[in-house]
PDB file of N, CA and C in Angstrom:
ATOM      1  N   TYR A   1      55.888  14.139  59.936  1.00  0.00           N
ATOM      2  CA  TYR A   1      54.881  13.858  60.873  1.00  0.00           C
ATOM      3  C   TYR A   1      55.489  13.309  62.184  1.00  0.00           C
ATOM      4  N   ASP A   2      54.851  13.596  63.305  1.00  0.00           N
ATOM      5  CA  ASP A   2      55.252  13.070  64.530  1.00  0.00           C
ATOM      6  C   ASP A   2      54.344  11.908  64.919  1.00  0.00           C
ATOM      7  N   PHE A   3      54.815  10.691  64.782  1.00  0.00           N
ATOM      8  CA  PHE A   3      54.096   9.511  65.104  1.00  0.00           C
ATOM      9  C   PHE A   3      54.573   8.933  66.466  1.00  0.00           C
ATOM     10  N   GLY A   4      54.547   9.758  67.462  1.00  0.00           N
ATOM     11  CA  GLY A   4      54.872   9.314  68.788  1.00  0.00           C
ATOM     12  C   GLY A   4      53.768   8.366  69.272  1.00  0.00           C
ATOM     13  N   PHE A   5      54.107   7.579  70.277  1.00  0.00           N
ATOM     14  CA  PHE A   5      53.197   6.600  70.759  1.00  0.00           C
ATOM     15  C   PHE A   5      51.937   7.213  71.369  1.00  0.00           C
ATOM     16  N   ARG A   6      52.101   8.343  72.017  1.00  0.00           N
ATOM     17  CA  ARG A   6      50.942   9.030  72.631  1.00  0.00           C
ATOM     18  C   ARG A   6      49.963   9.513  71.515  1.00  0.00           C
ATOM     19  N   LYS A   7      50.473  10.113  70.465  1.00  0.00           N
ATOM     20  CA  LYS A   7      49.597  10.533  69.407  1.00  0.00           C
ATOM     21  C   LYS A   7      48.976   9.377  68.635  1.00  0.00           C
ATOM     22  N   LEU A   8      49.688   8.283  68.601  1.00  0.00           N
ATOM     23  CA  LEU A   8      49.130   7.117  67.968  1.00  0.00           C
ATOM     24  C   LEU A   8      48.017   6.532  68.833  1.00  0.00           C
ATOM     25  N   LEU A   9      48.128   6.552  70.128  1.00  0.00           N
ATOM     26  CA  LEU A   9      47.058   6.094  71.001  1.00  0.00           C
ATOM     27  C   LEU A   9      45.793   6.965  70.834  1.00  0.00           C
ATOM     28  N   ILE A  10      45.994   8.273  70.706  1.00  0.00           N
ATOM     29  CA  ILE A  10      44.855   9.192  70.546  1.00  0.00           C
ATOM     30  C   ILE A  10      44.162   8.929  69.215  1.00  0.00           C
ATOM     31  N   LYS A  11      44.962   8.764  68.162  1.00  0.00           N
ATOM     32  CA  LYS A  11      44.381   8.516  66.855  1.00  0.00           C
ATOM     33  C   LYS A  11      43.627   7.191  66.828  1.00  0.00           C
ATOM     34  N   GLN A  12      44.171   6.154  67.402  1.00  0.00           N
ATOM     35  CA  GLN A  12      43.474   4.857  67.443  1.00  0.00           C
ATOM     36  C   GLN A  12      42.221   4.923  68.240  1.00  0.00           C
ATOM     37  N   ARG A  13      42.249   5.660  69.322  1.00  0.00           N
ATOM     38  CA  ARG A  13      41.055   5.777  70.151  1.00  0.00           C
ATOM     39  C   ARG A  13      39.867   6.495  69.375  1.00  0.00           C
ATOM     40  N   ILE A  14      40.249   7.490  68.612  1.00  0.00           N
ATOM     41  CA  ILE A  14      39.207   8.164  67.821  1.00  0.00           C
ATOM     42  C   ILE A  14      38.635   7.251  66.759  1.00  0.00           C
ATOM     43  N   TYR A  15      39.535   6.499  66.073  1.00  0.00           N
ATOM     44  CA  TYR A  15      39.034   5.538  65.038  1.00  0.00           C
ATOM     45  C   TYR A  15      38.172   4.410  65.692  1.00  0.00           C
ATOM     46  N   ALA A  16      38.585   3.919  66.827  1.00  0.00           N
ATOM     47  CA  ALA A  16      37.838   2.838  67.491  1.00  0.00           C
ATOM     48  C   ALA A  16      36.463   3.325  67.959  1.00  0.00           C
ATOM     49  N   ARG A  17      36.417   4.571  68.502  1.00  0.00           N
ATOM     50  CA  ARG A  17      35.125   5.084  68.936  1.00  0.00           C
ATOM     51  C   ARG A  17      34.203   5.302  67.724  1.00  0.00           C
ATOM     52  N   ALA A  18      34.750   5.790  66.614  1.00  0.00           N
ATOM     53  CA  ALA A  18      33.926   5.970  65.405  1.00  0.00           C
ATOM     54  C   ALA A  18      33.455   4.647  64.883  1.00  0.00           C
ATOM     55  N   TYR A  19      34.273   3.611  65.020  1.00  0.00           N
ATOM     56  CA  TYR A  19      33.917   2.293  64.558  1.00  0.00           C
ATOM     57  C   TYR A  19      32.831   1.692  65.434  1.00  0.00           C
ATOM     58  N   GLY A  20      32.852   1.885  66.697  1.00  0.00           N
ATOM     59  CA  GLY A  20      31.806   1.404  67.603  1.00  0.00           C
ATOM     60  C   GLY A  20      30.498   2.180  67.376  1.00  0.00           C
ATOM     61  N   ARG A  21      30.650   3.470  67.126  1.00  0.00           N
ATOM     62  CA  ARG A  21      29.438   4.227  66.801  1.00  0.00           C
ATOM     63  C   ARG A  21      28.796   3.868  65.492  1.00  0.00           C
ATOM     64  N   LEU A  22      29.594   3.561  64.508  1.00  0.00           N
ATOM     65  CA  LEU A  22      29.099   3.085  63.211  1.00  0.00           C
ATOM     66  C   LEU A  22      28.341   1.816  63.369  1.00  0.00           C
ATOM     67  N   ILE A  23      28.895   0.887  64.152  1.00  0.00           N
ATOM     68  CA  ILE A  23      28.192  -0.405  64.349  1.00  0.00           C
ATOM     69  C   ILE A  23      26.881  -0.190  65.093  1.00  0.00           C
ATOM     70  N   ARG A  24      26.894   0.727  66.031  1.00  0.00           N
ATOM     71  CA  ARG A  24      25.673   0.966  66.813  1.00  0.00           C
ATOM     72  C   ARG A  24      24.588   1.621  65.919  1.00  0.00           C
ATOM     73  N   LEU A  25      24.944   2.554  65.093  1.00  0.00           N
ATOM     74  CA  LEU A  25      23.948   3.296  64.286  1.00  0.00           C
ATOM     75  C   LEU A  25      23.510   2.523  63.038  1.00  0.00           C
ATOM     76  N   ARG A  26      24.400   1.788  62.416  1.00  0.00           N
ATOM     77  CA  ARG A  26      24.097   1.115  61.209  1.00  0.00           C
ATOM     78  C   ARG A  26      24.011  -0.419  61.295  1.00  0.00           C
ATOM     79  N   LYS A  27      23.645  -0.867  62.445  1.00  0.00           N
ATOM     80  CA  LYS A  27      23.588  -2.314  62.709  1.00  0.00           C
ATOM     81  C   LYS A  27      22.754  -3.084  61.643  1.00  0.00           C
ATOM     82  N   PRO A  28      21.519  -2.673  61.340  1.00  0.00           N
ATOM     83  CA  PRO A  28      20.743  -3.459  60.327  1.00  0.00           C
ATOM     84  C   PRO A  28      21.368  -3.518  58.997  1.00  0.00           C
ATOM     85  N   SER A  29      22.040  -2.453  58.515  1.00  0.00           N
ATOM     86  CA  SER A  29      22.635  -2.489  57.187  1.00  0.00           C
ATOM     87  C   SER A  29      23.919  -3.236  57.168  1.00  0.00           C
ATOM     88  N   LEU A  30      24.538  -3.548  58.302  1.00  0.00           N
ATOM     89  CA  LEU A  30      25.807  -4.282  58.337  1.00  0.00           C
ATOM     90  C   LEU A  30      25.589  -5.845  58.245  1.00  0.00           C
ATOM     91  N   TYR A  31      24.383  -6.279  58.399  1.00  0.00           N
ATOM     92  CA  TYR A  31      24.190  -7.694  58.326  1.00  0.00           C
ATOM     93  C   TYR A  31      24.401  -8.255  56.903  1.00  0.00           C
ATOM     94  N   ASN A  32      24.254  -7.535  55.898  1.00  0.00           N
ATOM     95  CA  ASN A  32      24.410  -8.034  54.549  1.00  0.00           C
ATOM     96  C   ASN A  32      25.929  -8.066  54.127  1.00  0.00           C
ATOM     97  N   HIS A  33      26.604  -6.926  54.281  1.00  0.00           N
ATOM     98  CA  HIS A  33      27.925  -6.881  53.822  1.00  0.00           C
ATOM     99  C   HIS A  33      29.005  -6.419  54.862  1.00  0.00           C
ATOM    100  N   GLY A  34      28.556  -6.242  56.064  1.00  0.00           N
ATOM    101  CA  GLY A  34      29.451  -5.761  57.116  1.00  0.00           C
ATOM    102  C   GLY A  34      30.188  -6.762  57.920  1.00  0.00           C
ATOM    103  N   TYR A  35      30.090  -8.043  57.522  1.00  0.00           N
ATOM    104  CA  TYR A  35      30.710  -9.078  58.367  1.00  0.00           C
ATOM    105  C   TYR A  35      32.203  -8.906  58.415  1.00  0.00           C
ATOM    106  N   LEU A  36      32.857  -8.276  57.414  1.00  0.00           N
ATOM    107  CA  LEU A  36      34.284  -8.063  57.475  1.00  0.00           C
ATOM    108  C   LEU A  36      34.671  -7.098  58.550  1.00  0.00           C
ATOM    109  N   LEU A  37      33.768  -6.247  58.981  1.00  0.00           N
ATOM    110  CA  LEU A  37      34.051  -5.271  60.054  1.00  0.00           C
ATOM    111  C   LEU A  37      34.218  -5.975  61.383  1.00  0.00           C
ATOM    112  N   PHE A  38      33.796  -7.212  61.534  1.00  0.00           N
ATOM    113  CA  PHE A  38      33.797  -7.860  62.795  1.00  0.00           C
ATOM    114  C   PHE A  38      34.985  -8.843  62.934  1.00  0.00           C
ATOM    115  N   ILE A  39      35.893  -8.906  61.949  1.00  0.00           N
ATOM    116  CA  ILE A  39      37.004  -9.834  62.053  1.00  0.00           C
ATOM    117  C   ILE A  39      37.951  -9.473  63.153  1.00  0.00           C
ATOM    118  N   ARG A  40      38.394  -8.242  63.261  1.00  0.00           N
ATOM    119  CA  ARG A  40      39.327  -7.843  64.279  1.00  0.00           C
ATOM    120  C   ARG A  40      38.738  -7.995  65.730  1.00  0.00           C
ATOM    121  N   PRO A  41      37.444  -7.520  65.952  1.00  0.00           N
ATOM    122  CA  PRO A  41      36.895  -7.772  67.300  1.00  0.00           C
ATOM    123  C   PRO A  41      36.713  -9.263  67.594  1.00  0.00           C
ATOM    124  N   ALA A  42      36.319 -10.032  66.604  1.00  0.00           N
ATOM    125  CA  ALA A  42      36.175 -11.485  66.853  1.00  0.00           C
ATOM    126  C   ALA A  42      37.488 -12.143  67.140  1.00  0.00           C
ATOM    127  N   LEU A  43      38.552 -11.708  66.465  1.00  0.00           N
ATOM    128  CA  LEU A  43      39.862 -12.254  66.665  1.00  0.00           C
ATOM    129  C   LEU A  43      40.380 -11.921  68.119  1.00  0.00           C
ATOM    130  N   ALA A  44      40.067 -10.730  68.546  1.00  0.00           N
ATOM    131  CA  ALA A  44      40.512 -10.307  69.890  1.00  0.00           C
ATOM    132  C   ALA A  44      39.699 -11.103  70.943  1.00  0.00           C
ATOM    133  N   LEU A  45      38.423 -11.289  70.716  1.00  0.00           N
ATOM    134  CA  LEU A  45      37.603 -12.027  71.683  1.00  0.00           C
ATOM    135  C   LEU A  45      37.855 -13.507  71.657  1.00  0.00           C
ATOM    136  N   LEU A  46      38.247 -14.034  70.476  1.00  0.00           N
ATOM    137  CA  LEU A  46      38.596 -15.430  70.366  1.00  0.00           C
ATOM    138  C   LEU A  46      39.825 -15.792  71.233  1.00  0.00           C
ATOM    139  N   ALA A  47      40.710 -14.899  71.349  1.00  0.00           N
ATOM    140  CA  ALA A  47      41.931 -15.134  72.154  1.00  0.00           C
ATOM    141  C   ALA A  47      41.622 -15.243  73.632  1.00  0.00           C
ATOM    142  N   LEU A  48      40.478 -14.850  74.066  1.00  0.00           N
ATOM    143  CA  LEU A  48      40.117 -14.871  75.487  1.00  0.00           C
ATOM    144  C   LEU A  48      39.388 -16.209  75.850  1.00  0.00           C
ATOM    145  N   ILE A  49      39.119 -17.023  74.929  1.00  0.00           N
ATOM    146  CA  ILE A  49      38.473 -18.290  75.126  1.00  0.00           C
ATOM    147  C   ILE A  49      39.501 -19.381  75.560  1.00  0.00           C
ATOM    148  N   PRO A  50      39.510 -19.886  76.758  1.00  0.00           N
ATOM    149  CA  PRO A  50      40.557 -20.775  77.183  1.00  0.00           C
ATOM    150  C   PRO A  50      40.523 -22.132  76.547  1.00  0.00           C
ATOM    151  N   TYR A  51      39.381 -22.594  76.056  1.00  0.00           N
ATOM    152  CA  TYR A  51      39.318 -23.913  75.480  1.00  0.00           C
ATOM    153  C   TYR A  51      40.056 -24.010  74.130  1.00  0.00           C
ATOM    154  N   LEU A  52      40.297 -22.898  73.513  1.00  0.00           N
ATOM    155  CA  LEU A  52      40.963 -22.890  72.212  1.00  0.00           C
ATOM    156  C   LEU A  52      42.387 -22.414  72.338  1.00  0.00           C
ATOM    157  N   PHE A  53      43.044 -22.681  73.502  1.00  0.00           N
ATOM    158  CA  PHE A  53      44.296 -22.012  73.804  1.00  0.00           C
ATOM    159  C   PHE A  53      45.383 -21.956  72.758  1.00  0.00           C
ATOM    160  N   PRO A  54      45.919 -23.032  72.299  1.00  0.00           N
ATOM    161  CA  PRO A  54      47.044 -22.815  71.345  1.00  0.00           C
ATOM    162  C   PRO A  54      46.596 -22.202  70.029  1.00  0.00           C
ATOM    163  N   PHE A  55      45.375 -22.549  69.604  1.00  0.00           N
ATOM    164  CA  PHE A  55      44.833 -22.076  68.322  1.00  0.00           C
ATOM    165  C   PHE A  55      44.644 -20.570  68.321  1.00  0.00           C
ATOM    166  N   ASN A  56      44.066 -20.037  69.362  1.00  0.00           N
ATOM    167  CA  ASN A  56      43.670 -18.614  69.372  1.00  0.00           C
ATOM    168  C   ASN A  56      44.905 -17.709  69.512  1.00  0.00           C
ATOM    169  N   ILE A  57      45.880 -18.096  70.260  1.00  0.00           N
ATOM    170  CA  ILE A  57      47.060 -17.254  70.399  1.00  0.00           C
ATOM    171  C   ILE A  57      47.851 -17.231  69.087  1.00  0.00           C
ATOM    172  N   ILE A  58      47.924 -18.384  68.442  1.00  0.00           N
ATOM    173  CA  ILE A  58      48.587 -18.465  67.141  1.00  0.00           C
ATOM    174  C   ILE A  58      47.906 -17.595  66.113  1.00  0.00           C
ATOM    175  N   LEU A  59      46.573 -17.559  66.101  1.00  0.00           N
ATOM    176  CA  LEU A  59      45.826 -16.687  65.156  1.00  0.00           C
ATOM    177  C   LEU A  59      46.137 -15.202  65.446  1.00  0.00           C
ATOM    178  N   VAL A  60      46.196 -14.828  66.671  1.00  0.00           N
ATOM    179  CA  VAL A  60      46.498 -13.405  67.009  1.00  0.00           C
ATOM    180  C   VAL A  60      47.887 -13.043  66.602  1.00  0.00           C
ATOM    181  N   ILE A  61      48.878 -13.919  66.807  1.00  0.00           N
ATOM    182  CA  ILE A  61      50.239 -13.663  66.370  1.00  0.00           C
ATOM    183  C   ILE A  61      50.341 -13.621  64.828  1.00  0.00           C
ATOM    184  N   LEU A  62      49.690 -14.555  64.156  1.00  0.00           N
ATOM    185  CA  LEU A  62      49.681 -14.541  62.682  1.00  0.00           C
ATOM    186  C   LEU A  62      49.018 -13.258  62.155  1.00  0.00           C
ATOM    187  N   TYR A  63      47.943 -12.830  62.773  1.00  0.00           N
ATOM    188  CA  TYR A  63      47.314 -11.575  62.366  1.00  0.00           C
ATOM    189  C   TYR A  63      48.276 -10.407  62.515  1.00  0.00           C
ATOM    190  N   SER A  64      48.986 -10.410  63.648  1.00  0.00           N
ATOM    191  CA  SER A  64      49.950  -9.301  63.881  1.00  0.00           C
ATOM    192  C   SER A  64      51.055  -9.298  62.799  1.00  0.00           C
ATOM    193  N   LEU A  65      51.559 -10.432  62.510  1.00  0.00           N
ATOM    194  CA  LEU A  65      52.622 -10.519  61.507  1.00  0.00           C
ATOM    195  C   LEU A  65      52.099 -10.186  60.086  1.00  0.00           C
ATOM    196  N   TYR A  66      50.846 -10.623  59.796  1.00  0.00           N
ATOM    197  CA  TYR A  66      50.296 -10.337  58.481  1.00  0.00           C
ATOM    198  C   TYR A  66      49.981  -8.848  58.369  1.00  0.00           C
ATOM    199  N   PHE A  67      49.439  -8.237  59.428  1.00  0.00           N
ATOM    200  CA  PHE A  67      49.084  -6.803  59.400  1.00  0.00           C
ATOM    201  C   PHE A  67      50.338  -5.938  59.234  1.00  0.00           C
ATOM    202  N   THR A  68      51.466  -6.347  59.737  1.00  0.00           N
ATOM    203  CA  THR A  68      52.660  -5.538  59.620  1.00  0.00           C
ATOM    204  C   THR A  68      53.679  -6.133  58.681  1.00  0.00           C
ATOM    205  N   ARG A  69      53.269  -6.918  57.722  1.00  0.00           N
ATOM    206  CA  ARG A  69      54.191  -7.626  56.787  1.00  0.00           C
ATOM    207  C   ARG A  69      55.070  -6.679  55.972  1.00  0.00           C
ATOM    208  N   ARG A  70      54.585  -5.474  55.696  1.00  0.00           N
ATOM    209  CA  ARG A  70      55.413  -4.539  54.916  1.00  0.00           C
ATOM    210  C   ARG A  70      56.596  -4.035  55.692  1.00  0.00           C
ATOM    211  N   MET A  71      56.507  -4.042  57.015  1.00  0.00           N
ATOM    212  CA  MET A  71      57.589  -3.597  57.836  1.00  0.00           C
ATOM    213  C   MET A  71      58.790  -4.569  57.798  1.00  0.00           C
ATOM    214  N   TYR A  72      58.546  -5.759  57.440  1.00  0.00           N
ATOM    215  CA  TYR A  72      59.622  -6.798  57.375  1.00  0.00           C
ATOM    216  C   TYR A  72      60.196  -6.975  55.952  1.00  0.00           C
ATOM    217  N   SER A  73      59.796  -6.067  55.057  1.00  0.00           N
ATOM    218  CA  SER A  73      60.265  -6.245  53.676  1.00  0.00           C
ATOM    219  C   SER A  73      61.326  -5.253  53.256  1.00  0.00           C
ATOM    220  N   THR A  74      61.704  -4.296  54.057  1.00  0.00           N
ATOM    221  CA  THR A  74      62.703  -3.336  53.706  1.00  0.00           C
ATOM    222  C   THR A  74      63.947  -3.498  54.588  1.00  0.00           C
ATOM    223  N   ARG A  75      65.055  -3.213  54.000  1.00  0.00           N
ATOM    224  CA  ARG A  75      66.301  -3.352  54.758  1.00  0.00           C
ATOM    225  C   ARG A  75      66.461  -2.361  55.891  1.00  0.00           C
ATOM    226  N   ILE A  76      65.911  -1.143  55.681  1.00  0.00           N
ATOM    227  CA  ILE A  76      66.003  -0.118  56.742  1.00  0.00           C
ATOM    228  C   ILE A  76      65.283  -0.560  58.025  1.00  0.00           C
ATOM    229  N   THR A  77      64.075  -1.088  57.855  1.00  0.00           N
ATOM    230  CA  THR A  77      63.327  -1.486  59.051  1.00  0.00           C
ATOM    231  C   THR A  77      63.881  -2.787  59.658  1.00  0.00           C
ATOM    232  N   LEU A  78      64.439  -3.635  58.882  1.00  0.00           N
ATOM    233  CA  LEU A  78      65.008  -4.871  59.398  1.00  0.00           C
ATOM    234  C   LEU A  78      66.315  -4.618  60.236  1.00  0.00           C
ATOM    235  N   ASN A  79      67.002  -3.499  59.926  1.00  0.00           N
ATOM    236  CA  ASN A  79      68.195  -3.194  60.742  1.00  0.00           C
ATOM    237  C   ASN A  79      67.879  -2.472  61.985  1.00  0.00           C
ATOM    238  N   ASP A  80      66.613  -1.970  62.153  1.00  0.00           N
ATOM    239  CA  ASP A  80      66.234  -1.258  63.341  1.00  0.00           C
ATOM    240  C   ASP A  80      65.871  -2.244  64.423  1.00  0.00           C
ATOM    241  N   PRO A  81      66.472  -2.124  65.621  1.00  0.00           N
ATOM    242  CA  PRO A  81      66.204  -3.137  66.664  1.00  0.00           C
ATOM    243  C   PRO A  81      64.761  -3.019  67.233  1.00  0.00           C
ATOM    244  N   ARG A  82      64.107  -1.939  66.966  1.00  0.00           N
ATOM    245  CA  ARG A  82      62.743  -1.759  67.422  1.00  0.00           C
ATOM    246  C   ARG A  82      61.694  -2.568  66.662  1.00  0.00           C
ATOM    247  N   ILE A  83      62.161  -3.233  65.658  1.00  0.00           N
ATOM    248  CA  ILE A  83      61.246  -4.077  64.794  1.00  0.00           C
ATOM    249  C   ILE A  83      60.634  -5.188  65.641  1.00  0.00           C
ATOM    250  N   ILE A  84      61.338  -5.587  66.697  1.00  0.00           N
ATOM    251  CA  ILE A  84      60.880  -6.634  67.567  1.00  0.00           C
ATOM    252  C   ILE A  84      59.586  -6.162  68.285  1.00  0.00           C
ATOM    253  N   LEU A  85      59.446  -4.875  68.560  1.00  0.00           N
ATOM    254  CA  LEU A  85      58.282  -4.396  69.256  1.00  0.00           C
ATOM    255  C   LEU A  85      57.031  -4.243  68.392  1.00  0.00           C
ATOM    256  N   VAL A  86      57.153  -4.363  67.061  1.00  0.00           N
ATOM    257  CA  VAL A  86      56.021  -4.100  66.162  1.00  0.00           C
ATOM    258  C   VAL A  86      54.914  -5.122  66.408  1.00  0.00           C
ATOM    259  N   PRO A  87      55.166  -6.411  66.409  1.00  0.00           N
ATOM    260  CA  PRO A  87      54.039  -7.381  66.675  1.00  0.00           C
ATOM    261  C   PRO A  87      53.399  -7.161  68.072  1.00  0.00           C
ATOM    262  N   ILE A  88      54.201  -6.813  69.059  1.00  0.00           N
ATOM    263  CA  ILE A  88      53.681  -6.586  70.400  1.00  0.00           C
ATOM    264  C   ILE A  88      52.761  -5.385  70.435  1.00  0.00           C
ATOM    265  N   VAL A  89      53.152  -4.324  69.777  1.00  0.00           N
ATOM    266  CA  VAL A  89      52.341  -3.072  69.710  1.00  0.00           C
ATOM    267  C   VAL A  89      51.074  -3.351  68.862  1.00  0.00           C
ATOM    268  N   THR A  90      51.148  -4.190  67.814  1.00  0.00           N
ATOM    269  CA  THR A  90      50.007  -4.472  67.015  1.00  0.00           C
ATOM    270  C   THR A  90      48.955  -5.240  67.827  1.00  0.00           C
ATOM    271  N   ILE A  91      49.431  -6.195  68.601  1.00  0.00           N
ATOM    272  CA  ILE A  91      48.528  -6.978  69.456  1.00  0.00           C
ATOM    273  C   ILE A  91      47.902  -6.064  70.549  1.00  0.00           C
ATOM    274  N   PHE A  92      48.713  -5.171  71.088  1.00  0.00           N
ATOM    275  CA  PHE A  92      48.204  -4.227  72.075  1.00  0.00           C
ATOM    276  C   PHE A  92      47.083  -3.391  71.476  1.00  0.00           C
ATOM    277  N   PHE A  93      47.262  -2.867  70.213  1.00  0.00           N
ATOM    278  CA  PHE A  93      46.297  -2.040  69.613  1.00  0.00           C
ATOM    279  C   PHE A  93      45.050  -2.840  69.233  1.00  0.00           C
ATOM    280  N   LEU A  94      45.163  -4.131  69.000  1.00  0.00           N
ATOM    281  CA  LEU A  94      44.005  -4.942  68.724  1.00  0.00           C
ATOM    282  C   LEU A  94      43.060  -4.906  69.925  1.00  0.00           C
ATOM    283  N   TYR A  95      43.550  -4.983  71.168  1.00  0.00           N
ATOM    284  CA  TYR A  95      42.772  -4.962  72.327  1.00  0.00           C
ATOM    285  C   TYR A  95      42.376  -3.544  72.754  1.00  0.00           C
ATOM    286  N   TYR A  96      43.255  -2.602  72.479  1.00  0.00           N
ATOM    287  CA  TYR A  96      42.940  -1.202  72.766  1.00  0.00           C
ATOM    288  C   TYR A  96      41.779  -0.747  71.890  1.00  0.00           C
ATOM    289  N   ASP A  97      41.813  -1.096  70.626  1.00  0.00           N
ATOM    290  CA  ASP A  97      40.692  -0.772  69.733  1.00  0.00           C
ATOM    291  C   ASP A  97      39.393  -1.432  70.202  1.00  0.00           C
ATOM    292  N   LEU A  98      39.519  -2.677  70.584  1.00  0.00           N
ATOM    293  CA  LEU A  98      38.300  -3.399  71.034  1.00  0.00           C
ATOM    294  C   LEU A  98      37.687  -2.697  72.287  1.00  0.00           C
ATOM    295  N   TYR A  99      38.501  -2.291  73.215  1.00  0.00           N
ATOM    296  CA  TYR A  99      38.015  -1.598  74.391  1.00  0.00           C
ATOM    297  C   TYR A  99      37.217  -0.360  74.035  1.00  0.00           C
ATOM    298  N   TRP A 100      37.833   0.507  73.216  1.00  0.00           N
ATOM    299  CA  TRP A 100      37.182   1.748  72.892  1.00  0.00           C
ATOM    300  C   TRP A 100      36.046   1.581  71.939  1.00  0.00           C
ATOM    301  N   MET A 101      36.039   0.537  71.142  1.00  0.00           N
ATOM    302  CA  MET A 101      34.906   0.247  70.283  1.00  0.00           C
ATOM    303  C   MET A 101      33.703  -0.152  71.088  1.00  0.00           C
ATOM    304  N   ILE A 102      33.955  -1.050  72.059  1.00  0.00           N
ATOM    305  CA  ILE A 102      32.866  -1.501  72.956  1.00  0.00           C
ATOM    306  C   ILE A 102      32.327  -0.315  73.792  1.00  0.00           C
ATOM    307  N   GLU A 103      33.244   0.470  74.300  1.00  0.00           N
ATOM    308  CA  GLU A 103      32.853   1.656  75.069  1.00  0.00           C
ATOM    309  C   GLU A 103      31.954   2.618  74.289  1.00  0.00           C
ATOM    310  N   SER A 104      32.270   2.851  73.075  1.00  0.00           N
ATOM    311  CA  SER A 104      31.482   3.722  72.174  1.00  0.00           C
ATOM    312  C   SER A 104      30.163   3.043  71.793  1.00  0.00           C
ATOM    313  N   TYR A 105      30.197   1.745  71.583  1.00  0.00           N
ATOM    314  CA  TYR A 105      28.973   1.014  71.198  1.00  0.00           C
ATOM    315  C   TYR A 105      27.981   1.042  72.404  1.00  0.00           C
ATOM    316  N   ILE A 106      28.479   0.832  73.618  1.00  0.00           N
ATOM    317  CA  ILE A 106      27.573   0.754  74.736  1.00  0.00           C
ATOM    318  C   ILE A 106      27.049   2.089  75.139  1.00  0.00           C
ATOM    319  N   PHE A 107      27.938   3.039  75.213  1.00  0.00           N
ATOM    320  CA  PHE A 107      27.526   4.370  75.719  1.00  0.00           C
ATOM    321  C   PHE A 107      27.125   5.337  74.641  1.00  0.00           C
ATOM    322  N   GLY A 108      27.483   5.019  73.388  1.00  0.00           N
ATOM    323  CA  GLY A 108      27.000   5.811  72.241  1.00  0.00           C
ATOM    324  C   GLY A 108      27.659   7.158  72.110  1.00  0.00           C
ATOM    325  N   GLN A 109      28.800   7.323  72.745  1.00  0.00           N
ATOM    326  CA  GLN A 109      29.462   8.654  72.656  1.00  0.00           C
ATOM    327  C   GLN A 109      30.564   8.581  71.614  1.00  0.00           C
ATOM    328  N   ASN A 110      30.668   9.619  70.854  1.00  0.00           N
ATOM    329  CA  ASN A 110      31.693   9.692  69.823  1.00  0.00           C
ATOM    330  C   ASN A 110      32.388  11.007  69.969  1.00  0.00           C
ATOM    331  N   LYS A 111      33.110  11.170  71.054  1.00  0.00           N
ATOM    332  CA  LYS A 111      33.787  12.450  71.352  1.00  0.00           C
ATOM    333  C   LYS A 111      35.184  12.457  70.703  1.00  0.00           C
ATOM    334  N   ILE A 112      35.556  13.614  70.166  1.00  0.00           N
ATOM    335  CA  ILE A 112      36.909  13.736  69.653  1.00  0.00           C
ATOM    336  C   ILE A 112      37.677  14.496  70.718  1.00  0.00           C
ATOM    337  N   GLU A 113      38.783  13.863  71.206  1.00  0.00           N
ATOM    338  CA  GLU A 113      39.576  14.435  72.208  1.00  0.00           C
ATOM    339  C   GLU A 113      40.925  14.872  71.696  1.00  0.00           C
TER     340      GLU A 113
END
């Protein structure tokens, strides 16, 4: 498979738009058991609150490390110098997903590009 950054951006945009559309269409049914769907958006929005400054940034970094923990468990990936970029890319995708999710939720479009 070719997992270039451009294709990864396209794939994440499609997932985020579908996620926003799901929240828009199934909002009443998500109140009972859908609270787990809001952890990532809440984490991204929490980092934008200035009054919680050290706490919110630490949570986003811990999320990034937890989400990519398997990358740090093999010798092959630990020897690759690009491993330093993994948490940065994970945090970038947290906000990238949030943007496209909100765009799809507000405008209601779920286009596959």
